[in-house]
């Protein structure tokens, strides 16, 4: 009944299952309403985490990352604290099923997962009809400890971009997770779309802050066209029940952009 959640992707499944009142503690940077209103909040990073989580006196910790939360396993077990990790690096429908099953709601989880899968399949169908694959750079203000970063191949955003019919330039740049990319690297990436989440844009300080954080973005095709697309964090940066909705929206927008770019002189 006192669940400590590792991230908002878990909160979203709990919300969908009617278990919002069981969210006892959430990260300080939560963007879901339930996460923000949780009775307790904690910070988890390289220097903070294990002691803080133990001090919360929860009954269950549900993590979403083996990379970040694996170090909690032994200390929590030693303290008699239950723990589950449903890793984020897996398809959204599988993740939804596993989180729901962990709370004893396997049937409802199967229904949610099927809905997400149908949306993802529809988005993939739209992407398959693209005349070209636009180049997309996903930038974040929060992925690198406060420094501006680019989303790499092993992020939820990269999965959405690829499925929706775009080229995630972070893949080509061999960026791992959320990592910094030089201003020269930004130009070389040659993005046609700048993709940012709502909360990241807020942290950047709006569009002006985005250009200040990565000034060479202005020199790319996306910057010259002022083509900055903003998506809800829960659709872009987390693999969960909103992944299908986000993929559909992005696939539709990329299809329209592909047609627009093909119609330009010299295309």
C-alpha atoms as a PDB file:
ATOM      1  CA  UNK A   1       0.000   0.000   0.000  1.00  0.00           C
ATOM      2  CA  UNK A   2       3.036   2.302   0.319  1.00  0.00           C
ATOM      3  CA  UNK A   3       4.568   2.045  -3.142  1.00  0.00           C
ATOM      4  CA  UNK A   4       7.710   3.962  -4.041  1.00  0.00           C
ATOM      5  CA  UNK A   5       7.825   4.422  -7.817  1.00  0.00           C
ATOM      6  CA  UNK A   6      11.013   4.846  -9.798  1.00  0.00           C
ATOM      7  CA  UNK A   7       9.492   6.968 -12.556  1.00  0.00           C
ATOM      8  CA  UNK A   8       6.326   8.287 -14.171  1.00  0.00           C
ATOM      9  CA  UNK A   9       5.954   5.339 -16.559  1.00  0.00           C
ATOM     10  CA  UNK A  10       5.011   3.197 -13.570  1.00  0.00           C
ATOM     11  CA  UNK A  11       2.693   5.880 -12.234  1.00  0.00           C
ATOM     12  CA  UNK A  12       0.820   5.979 -15.559  1.00  0.00           C
ATOM     13  CA  UNK A  13       0.043   2.272 -15.390  1.00  0.00           C
ATOM     14  CA  UNK A  14      -1.034   2.587 -11.767  1.00  0.00           C
ATOM     15  CA  UNK A  15      -3.304   5.498 -12.708  1.00  0.00           C
ATOM     16  CA  UNK A  16      -4.870   3.452 -15.502  1.00  0.00           C
ATOM     17  CA  UNK A  17      -5.496   0.592 -13.059  1.00  0.00           C
ATOM     18  CA  UNK A  18      -7.096   2.842 -10.442  1.00  0.00           C
ATOM     19  CA  UNK A  19      -4.159   2.477  -8.046  1.00  0.00           C
ATOM     20  CA  UNK A  20      -3.174   6.141  -7.811  1.00  0.00           C
ATOM     21  CA  UNK A  21      -3.742   6.215  -4.054  1.00  0.00           C
ATOM     22  CA  UNK A  22      -0.999   3.611  -3.574  1.00  0.00           C
ATOM     23  CA  UNK A  23       1.729   5.959  -4.874  1.00  0.00           C
ATOM     24  CA  UNK A  24       3.485   6.742  -1.605  1.00  0.00           C
ATOM     25  CA  UNK A  25       6.630   8.354  -2.999  1.00  0.00           C
ATOM     26  CA  UNK A  26       7.796   9.503  -6.442  1.00  0.00           C
ATOM     27  CA  UNK A  27      10.889  11.224  -7.901  1.00  0.00           C
ATOM     28  CA  UNK A  28      11.231  14.957  -7.344  1.00  0.00           C
ATOM     29  CA  UNK A  29      11.018  15.621 -11.094  1.00  0.00           C
ATOM     30  CA  UNK A  30       7.740  13.767 -11.673  1.00  0.00           C
ATOM     31  CA  UNK A  31       5.547  15.186 -14.426  1.00  0.00           C
ATOM     32  CA  UNK A  32       2.394  13.154 -13.757  1.00  0.00           C
ATOM     33  CA  UNK A  33      -0.193  14.740 -11.501  1.00  0.00           C
ATOM     34  CA  UNK A  34      -0.184  11.672  -9.258  1.00  0.00           C
ATOM     35  CA  UNK A  35       3.604  11.766  -8.983  1.00  0.00           C
ATOM     36  CA  UNK A  36       3.637  15.468  -8.140  1.00  0.00           C
ATOM     37  CA  UNK A  37       0.944  14.972  -5.481  1.00  0.00           C
ATOM     38  CA  UNK A  38       2.587  11.940  -3.870  1.00  0.00           C
ATOM     39  CA  UNK A  39       2.999  12.293  -0.070  1.00  0.00           C
ATOM     40  CA  UNK A  40       6.783  11.944  -0.396  1.00  0.00           C
ATOM     41  CA  UNK A  41       9.437  12.655  -3.009  1.00  0.00           C
ATOM     42  CA  UNK A  42      13.033  11.550  -3.431  1.00  0.00           C
ATOM     43  CA  UNK A  43      16.066  12.237  -5.590  1.00  0.00           C
ATOM     44  CA  UNK A  44      17.872   9.259  -7.089  1.00  0.00           C
ATOM     45  CA  UNK A  45      21.196   9.641  -8.884  1.00  0.00           C
ATOM     46  CA  UNK A  46      24.816   8.535  -8.608  1.00  0.00           C
ATOM     47  CA  UNK A  47      25.337  10.131  -5.203  1.00  0.00           C
ATOM     48  CA  UNK A  48      21.853  10.005  -3.709  1.00  0.00           C
ATOM     49  CA  UNK A  49      19.312   7.242  -3.542  1.00  0.00           C
ATOM     50  CA  UNK A  50      19.702   4.106  -1.445  1.00  0.00           C
ATOM     51  CA  UNK A  51      19.591   5.800   1.966  1.00  0.00           C
ATOM     52  CA  UNK A  52      16.857   8.165   0.851  1.00  0.00           C
ATOM     53  CA  UNK A  53      14.639   5.373  -0.448  1.00  0.00           C
ATOM     54  CA  UNK A  54      15.141   3.305   2.714  1.00  0.00           C
ATOM     55  CA  UNK A  55      14.260   6.286   4.905  1.00  0.00           C
ATOM     56  CA  UNK A  56      10.864   6.625   3.251  1.00  0.00           C
ATOM     57  CA  UNK A  57       9.568   3.474   4.986  1.00  0.00           C
ATOM     58  CA  UNK A  58       7.614   2.218   1.994  1.00  0.00           C
ATOM     59  CA  UNK A  59       6.420  -1.343   1.519  1.00  0.00           C
ATOM     60  CA  UNK A  60       7.303  -1.827  -2.166  1.00  0.00           C
ATOM     61  CA  UNK A  61       9.761  -0.216  -4.560  1.00  0.00           C
ATOM     62  CA  UNK A  62       8.912  -0.496  -8.259  1.00  0.00           C
ATOM     63  CA  UNK A  63      11.831   0.555 -10.430  1.00  0.00           C
ATOM     64  CA  UNK A  64      11.961   1.067 -14.177  1.00  0.00           C
ATOM     65  CA  UNK A  65      15.694   0.768 -14.877  1.00  0.00           C
ATOM     66  CA  UNK A  66      18.249  -1.924 -14.157  1.00  0.00           C
ATOM     67  CA  UNK A  67      20.944   0.681 -14.828  1.00  0.00           C
ATOM     68  CA  UNK A  68      19.677   3.138 -12.233  1.00  0.00           C
ATOM     69  CA  UNK A  69      17.800   1.016  -9.724  1.00  0.00           C
ATOM     70  CA  UNK A  70      19.709  -2.268  -9.735  1.00  0.00           C
ATOM     71  CA  UNK A  71      21.987  -0.976  -6.961  1.00  0.00           C
ATOM     72  CA  UNK A  72      18.948  -0.776  -4.676  1.00  0.00           C
ATOM     73  CA  UNK A  73      18.214  -4.503  -4.839  1.00  0.00           C
ATOM     74  CA  UNK A  74      20.520  -5.850  -2.137  1.00  0.00           C
ATOM     75  CA  UNK A  75      20.117  -3.000   0.404  1.00  0.00           C
ATOM     76  CA  UNK A  76      16.330  -3.208   0.117  1.00  0.00           C
ATOM     77  CA  UNK A  77      16.325  -6.983   0.490  1.00  0.00           C
ATOM     78  CA  UNK A  78      18.589  -6.696   3.515  1.00  0.00           C
ATOM     79  CA  UNK A  79      16.073  -4.265   5.020  1.00  0.00           C
ATOM     80  CA  UNK A  80      13.164  -6.632   4.299  1.00  0.00           C
ATOM     81  CA  UNK A  81      11.774  -4.272   1.656  1.00  0.00           C
ATOM     82  CA  UNK A  82      10.007  -5.703  -1.415  1.00  0.00           C
ATOM     83  CA  UNK A  83      11.327  -4.614  -4.805  1.00  0.00           C
ATOM     84  CA  UNK A  84      10.444  -5.113  -8.470  1.00  0.00           C
ATOM     85  CA  UNK A  85      12.215  -3.730 -11.532  1.00  0.00           C
ATOM     86  CA  UNK A  86      10.379  -3.630 -14.866  1.00  0.00           C
ATOM     87  CA  UNK A  87      13.127  -2.350 -17.106  1.00  0.00           C
ATOM     88  CA  UNK A  88      12.349   0.517 -19.482  1.00  0.00           C
ATOM     89  CA  UNK A  89      14.331  -0.989 -22.354  1.00  0.00           C
ATOM     90  CA  UNK A  90      11.513  -3.174 -23.664  1.00  0.00           C
ATOM     91  CA  UNK A  91       8.415  -2.627 -25.838  1.00  0.00           C
ATOM     92  CA  UNK A  92       5.694  -0.559 -24.203  1.00  0.00           C
ATOM     93  CA  UNK A  93       3.009  -3.296 -24.327  1.00  0.00           C
ATOM     94  CA  UNK A  94       5.314  -5.794 -22.562  1.00  0.00           C
ATOM     95  CA  UNK A  95       6.184  -3.252 -19.929  1.00  0.00           C
ATOM     96  CA  UNK A  96       2.520  -2.395 -19.282  1.00  0.00           C
ATOM     97  CA  UNK A  97       1.677  -6.105 -18.895  1.00  0.00           C
ATOM     98  CA  UNK A  98       4.492  -6.701 -16.411  1.00  0.00           C
ATOM     99  CA  UNK A  99       3.738  -3.665 -14.266  1.00  0.00           C
ATOM    100  CA  UNK A 100       0.037  -4.543 -14.143  1.00  0.00           C
ATOM    101  CA  UNK A 101       0.808  -8.163 -13.276  1.00  0.00           C
ATOM    102  CA  UNK A 102       3.104  -7.020 -10.452  1.00  0.00           C
ATOM    103  CA  UNK A 103       0.085  -5.352  -8.855  1.00  0.00           C
ATOM    104  CA  UNK A 104      -2.176  -8.366  -9.399  1.00  0.00           C
ATOM    105  CA  UNK A 105      -4.054  -6.882 -12.368  1.00  0.00           C
ATOM    106  CA  UNK A 106      -2.881  -9.089 -15.211  1.00  0.00           C
ATOM    107  CA  UNK A 107      -6.218  -9.099 -17.055  1.00  0.00           C
ATOM    108  CA  UNK A 108      -6.546  -5.320 -17.008  1.00  0.00           C
ATOM    109  CA  UNK A 109      -2.900  -5.059 -18.014  1.00  0.00           C
ATOM    110  CA  UNK A 110      -3.503  -7.269 -21.027  1.00  0.00           C
ATOM    111  CA  UNK A 111      -6.337  -4.984 -22.133  1.00  0.00           C
ATOM    112  CA  UNK A 112      -4.177  -1.862 -21.723  1.00  0.00           C
ATOM    113  CA  UNK A 113      -1.260  -3.483 -23.543  1.00  0.00           C
ATOM    114  CA  UNK A 114      -3.476  -4.529 -26.446  1.00  0.00           C
ATOM    115  CA  UNK A 115      -4.715  -0.955 -26.836  1.00  0.00           C
ATOM    116  CA  UNK A 116      -1.162   0.408 -26.858  1.00  0.00           C
ATOM    117  CA  UNK A 117      -0.068  -2.248 -29.373  1.00  0.00           C
ATOM    118  CA  UNK A 118      -2.944  -1.379 -31.717  1.00  0.00           C
ATOM    119  CA  UNK A 119      -1.908   2.292 -31.639  1.00  0.00           C
ATOM    120  CA  UNK A 120       1.731   1.410 -32.266  1.00  0.00           C
ATOM    121  CA  UNK A 121       0.737  -0.801 -35.196  1.00  0.00           C
ATOM    122  CA  UNK A 122      -1.337   2.025 -36.668  1.00  0.00           C
ATOM    123  CA  UNK A 123       1.582   4.434 -36.297  1.00  0.00           C
ATOM    124  CA  UNK A 124       3.920   1.939 -37.977  1.00  0.00           C
ATOM    125  CA  UNK A 125       1.448   1.646 -40.852  1.00  0.00           C
ATOM    126  CA  UNK A 126       1.486   5.413 -41.354  1.00  0.00           C
ATOM    127  CA  UNK A 127       5.295   5.444 -41.198  1.00  0.00           C
ATOM    128  CA  UNK A 128       5.529   2.708 -43.819  1.00  0.00           C
ATOM    129  CA  UNK A 129       3.832   5.028 -46.304  1.00  0.00           C
ATOM    130  CA  UNK A 130       6.269   7.925 -45.751  1.00  0.00           C
ATOM    131  CA  UNK A 131       7.955   9.120 -48.930  1.00  0.00           C
ATOM    132  CA  UNK A 132      11.110   9.803 -46.908  1.00  0.00           C
ATOM    133  CA  UNK A 133      12.323   9.590 -43.317  1.00  0.00           C
ATOM    134  CA  UNK A 134      12.874  13.057 -41.815  1.00  0.00           C
ATOM    135  CA  UNK A 135      15.913  13.507 -39.579  1.00  0.00           C
ATOM    136  CA  UNK A 136      14.918  14.203 -35.966  1.00  0.00           C
ATOM    137  CA  UNK A 137      17.037  15.406 -33.061  1.00  0.00           C
ATOM    138  CA  UNK A 138      15.543  14.992 -29.607  1.00  0.00           C
ATOM    139  CA  UNK A 139      17.069  17.446 -27.139  1.00  0.00           C
ATOM    140  CA  UNK A 140      16.592  17.434 -23.392  1.00  0.00           C
ATOM    141  CA  UNK A 141      17.350  19.874 -20.603  1.00  0.00           C
ATOM    142  CA  UNK A 142      17.115  17.247 -17.880  1.00  0.00           C
ATOM    143  CA  UNK A 143      18.740  14.081 -19.219  1.00  0.00           C
ATOM    144  CA  UNK A 144      22.343  14.895 -18.297  1.00  0.00           C
ATOM    145  CA  UNK A 145      22.235  16.235 -14.773  1.00  0.00           C
ATOM    146  CA  UNK A 146      21.172  19.692 -15.875  1.00  0.00           C
ATOM    147  CA  UNK A 147      23.329  19.997 -19.001  1.00  0.00           C
ATOM    148  CA  UNK A 148      21.613  20.018 -22.409  1.00  0.00           C
ATOM    149  CA  UNK A 149      21.709  16.580 -24.000  1.00  0.00           C
ATOM    150  CA  UNK A 150      20.620  14.608 -27.046  1.00  0.00           C
ATOM    151  CA  UNK A 151      18.572  11.411 -26.853  1.00  0.00           C
ATOM    152  CA  UNK A 152      20.503   8.353 -27.985  1.00  0.00           C
ATOM    153  CA  UNK A 153      19.517   4.966 -29.336  1.00  0.00           C
ATOM    154  CA  UNK A 154      18.573   3.476 -25.961  1.00  0.00           C
ATOM    155  CA  UNK A 155      15.905   6.017 -24.986  1.00  0.00           C
ATOM    156  CA  UNK A 156      12.129   5.822 -25.109  1.00  0.00           C
ATOM    157  CA  UNK A 157      12.129   8.869 -27.395  1.00  0.00           C
ATOM    158  CA  UNK A 158      14.381   7.127 -29.927  1.00  0.00           C
ATOM    159  CA  UNK A 159      11.984   4.182 -30.060  1.00  0.00           C
ATOM    160  CA  UNK A 160       9.054   6.506 -30.766  1.00  0.00           C
ATOM    161  CA  UNK A 161      10.985   8.429 -33.439  1.00  0.00           C
ATOM    162  CA  UNK A 162      12.035   5.281 -35.275  1.00  0.00           C
ATOM    163  CA  UNK A 163       8.611   3.657 -35.123  1.00  0.00           C
ATOM    164  CA  UNK A 164       6.959   6.884 -36.317  1.00  0.00           C
ATOM    165  CA  UNK A 165       9.129   6.944 -39.432  1.00  0.00           C
ATOM    166  CA  UNK A 166      11.894   9.338 -38.466  1.00  0.00           C
ATOM    167  CA  UNK A 167      15.667   8.991 -38.250  1.00  0.00           C
ATOM    168  CA  UNK A 168      16.889   9.617 -34.714  1.00  0.00           C
ATOM    169  CA  UNK A 169      20.170  11.462 -35.269  1.00  0.00           C
ATOM    170  CA  UNK A 170      21.320  10.403 -31.815  1.00  0.00           C
ATOM    171  CA  UNK A 171      21.605   6.864 -33.208  1.00  0.00           C
ATOM    172  CA  UNK A 172      24.025   7.968 -35.916  1.00  0.00           C
ATOM    173  CA  UNK A 173      26.014  10.082 -33.459  1.00  0.00           C
ATOM    174  CA  UNK A 174      26.404   6.987 -31.243  1.00  0.00           C
ATOM    175  CA  UNK A 175      24.964   8.864 -28.292  1.00  0.00           C
ATOM    176  CA  UNK A 176      24.318   6.650 -25.264  1.00  0.00           C
ATOM    177  CA  UNK A 177      21.158   7.303 -23.240  1.00  0.00           C
ATOM    178  CA  UNK A 178      21.047  11.118 -22.826  1.00  0.00           C
ATOM    179  CA  UNK A 179      24.495  12.553 -23.548  1.00  0.00           C
ATOM    180  CA  UNK A 180      25.970  15.852 -24.622  1.00  0.00           C
ATOM    181  CA  UNK A 181      26.732  16.472 -28.282  1.00  0.00           C
ATOM    182  CA  UNK A 182      29.128  19.190 -29.371  1.00  0.00           C
ATOM    183  CA  UNK A 183      27.921  22.221 -31.281  1.00  0.00           C
ATOM    184  CA  UNK A 184      29.871  20.932 -34.274  1.00  0.00           C
ATOM    185  CA  UNK A 185      28.150  17.560 -33.864  1.00  0.00           C
ATOM    186  CA  UNK A 186      24.767  19.286 -33.919  1.00  0.00           C
ATOM    187  CA  UNK A 187      25.553  20.843 -37.309  1.00  0.00           C
ATOM    188  CA  UNK A 188      26.883  17.553 -38.661  1.00  0.00           C
ATOM    189  CA  UNK A 189      23.698  15.783 -37.550  1.00  0.00           C
ATOM    190  CA  UNK A 190      21.751  17.975 -40.009  1.00  0.00           C
ATOM    191  CA  UNK A 191      18.337  17.558 -38.298  1.00  0.00           C
ATOM    192  CA  UNK A 192      15.135  18.561 -40.047  1.00  0.00           C
ATOM    193  CA  UNK A 193      13.080  18.461 -36.834  1.00  0.00           C
ATOM    194  CA  UNK A 194      13.954  19.493 -33.284  1.00  0.00           C
ATOM    195  CA  UNK A 195      11.872  17.434 -30.866  1.00  0.00           C
ATOM    196  CA  UNK A 196      11.552  18.459 -27.224  1.00  0.00           C
ATOM    197  CA  UNK A 197       9.223  17.552 -24.385  1.00  0.00           C
ATOM    198  CA  UNK A 198       6.952  20.081 -22.695  1.00  0.00           C
ATOM    199  CA  UNK A 199       8.794  19.916 -19.378  1.00  0.00           C
ATOM    200  CA  UNK A 200      12.216  20.131 -21.019  1.00  0.00           C
ATOM    201  CA  UNK A 201      11.144  23.237 -22.921  1.00  0.00           C
ATOM    202  CA  UNK A 202      10.030  24.740 -19.614  1.00  0.00           C
ATOM    203  CA  UNK A 203      13.401  23.926 -18.017  1.00  0.00           C
ATOM    204  CA  UNK A 204      15.243  25.382 -21.018  1.00  0.00           C
ATOM    205  CA  UNK A 205      13.318  28.602 -20.397  1.00  0.00           C
ATOM    206  CA  UNK A 206      11.219  28.449 -23.554  1.00  0.00           C
ATOM    207  CA  UNK A 207      12.431  28.655 -27.174  1.00  0.00           C
ATOM    208  CA  UNK A 208      14.998  31.359 -26.398  1.00  0.00           C
ATOM    209  CA  UNK A 209      16.569  29.130 -23.764  1.00  0.00           C
ATOM    210  CA  UNK A 210      16.668  26.223 -26.194  1.00  0.00           C
ATOM    211  CA  UNK A 211      18.616  28.229 -28.773  1.00  0.00           C
ATOM    212  CA  UNK A 212      20.970  29.486 -26.058  1.00  0.00           C
ATOM    213  CA  UNK A 213      21.666  25.948 -24.812  1.00  0.00           C
ATOM    214  CA  UNK A 214      22.461  24.691 -28.319  1.00  0.00           C
ATOM    215  CA  UNK A 215      23.224  27.778 -30.456  1.00  0.00           C
ATOM    216  CA  UNK A 216      24.233  25.796 -33.554  1.00  0.00           C
ATOM    217  CA  UNK A 217      20.729  24.341 -33.759  1.00  0.00           C
ATOM    218  CA  UNK A 218      19.866  27.614 -35.488  1.00  0.00           C
ATOM    219  CA  UNK A 219      22.200  26.650 -38.359  1.00  0.00           C
ATOM    220  CA  UNK A 220      20.537  23.308 -39.067  1.00  0.00           C
ATOM    221  CA  UNK A 221      17.633  22.774 -41.504  1.00  0.00           C
ATOM    222  CA  UNK A 222      15.327  22.436 -38.491  1.00  0.00           C
ATOM    223  CA  UNK A 223      16.583  25.663 -36.941  1.00  0.00           C
ATOM    224  CA  UNK A 224      16.452  27.636 -40.186  1.00  0.00           C
ATOM    225  CA  UNK A 225      12.831  26.539 -40.620  1.00  0.00           C
ATOM    226  CA  UNK A 226      12.136  27.146 -36.904  1.00  0.00           C
ATOM    227  CA  UNK A 227      10.802  23.605 -36.842  1.00  0.00           C
ATOM    228  CA  UNK A 228      10.602  22.836 -33.113  1.00  0.00           C
ATOM    229  CA  UNK A 229       8.008  20.227 -32.193  1.00  0.00           C
ATOM    230  CA  UNK A 230       6.869  19.892 -28.597  1.00  0.00           C
ATOM    231  CA  UNK A 231       5.364  16.678 -27.219  1.00  0.00           C
ATOM    232  CA  UNK A 232       3.992  15.731 -23.780  1.00  0.00           C
ATOM    233  CA  UNK A 233       6.694  14.115 -21.647  1.00  0.00           C
ATOM    234  CA  UNK A 234       4.471  11.099 -21.012  1.00  0.00           C
ATOM    235  CA  UNK A 235       4.253  10.391 -24.758  1.00  0.00           C
ATOM    236  CA  UNK A 236       7.893  11.035 -25.602  1.00  0.00           C
ATOM    237  CA  UNK A 237      10.214  10.251 -22.700  1.00  0.00           C
ATOM    238  CA  UNK A 238       8.522   7.270 -21.064  1.00  0.00           C
ATOM    239  CA  UNK A 239       7.566   3.848 -22.398  1.00  0.00           C
ATOM    240  CA  UNK A 240       4.091   3.258 -21.004  1.00  0.00           C
ATOM    241  CA  UNK A 241       0.358   3.558 -21.674  1.00  0.00           C
ATOM    242  CA  UNK A 242       0.773   6.855 -23.589  1.00  0.00           C
ATOM    243  CA  UNK A 243       3.396   5.516 -26.011  1.00  0.00           C
ATOM    244  CA  UNK A 244       0.846   4.567 -28.657  1.00  0.00           C
ATOM    245  CA  UNK A 245      -0.802   7.981 -28.637  1.00  0.00           C
ATOM    246  CA  UNK A 246       2.572   9.682 -28.964  1.00  0.00           C
ATOM    247  CA  UNK A 247       3.704   7.428 -31.806  1.00  0.00           C
ATOM    248  CA  UNK A 248       0.484   8.076 -33.723  1.00  0.00           C
ATOM    249  CA  UNK A 249       0.793  11.849 -33.366  1.00  0.00           C
ATOM    250  CA  UNK A 250       4.444  11.862 -34.383  1.00  0.00           C
ATOM    251  CA  UNK A 251       3.938   9.487 -37.337  1.00  0.00           C
ATOM    252  CA  UNK A 252       1.172  11.716 -38.689  1.00  0.00           C
ATOM    253  CA  UNK A 253       3.274  14.869 -38.306  1.00  0.00           C
ATOM    254  CA  UNK A 254       6.318  13.246 -39.938  1.00  0.00           C
ATOM    255  CA  UNK A 255       4.201  12.048 -42.864  1.00  0.00           C
ATOM    256  CA  UNK A 256       3.021  15.604 -43.474  1.00  0.00           C
ATOM    257  CA  UNK A 257       6.582  16.911 -43.205  1.00  0.00           C
ATOM    258  CA  UNK A 258       7.911  14.284 -45.603  1.00  0.00           C
ATOM    259  CA  UNK A 259       5.355  15.348 -48.200  1.00  0.00           C
ATOM    260  CA  UNK A 260       6.207  19.023 -47.609  1.00  0.00           C
ATOM    261  CA  UNK A 261       9.951  18.446 -48.009  1.00  0.00           C
ATOM    262  CA  UNK A 262       9.444  16.387 -51.175  1.00  0.00           C
ATOM    263  CA  UNK A 263       7.419  19.242 -52.673  1.00  0.00           C
ATOM    264  CA  UNK A 264      10.223  21.774 -52.201  1.00  0.00           C
ATOM    265  CA  UNK A 265      12.208  22.802 -55.282  1.00  0.00           C
ATOM    266  CA  UNK A 266      15.284  20.672 -55.759  1.00  0.00           C
ATOM    267  CA  UNK A 267      14.012  17.928 -53.418  1.00  0.00           C
END
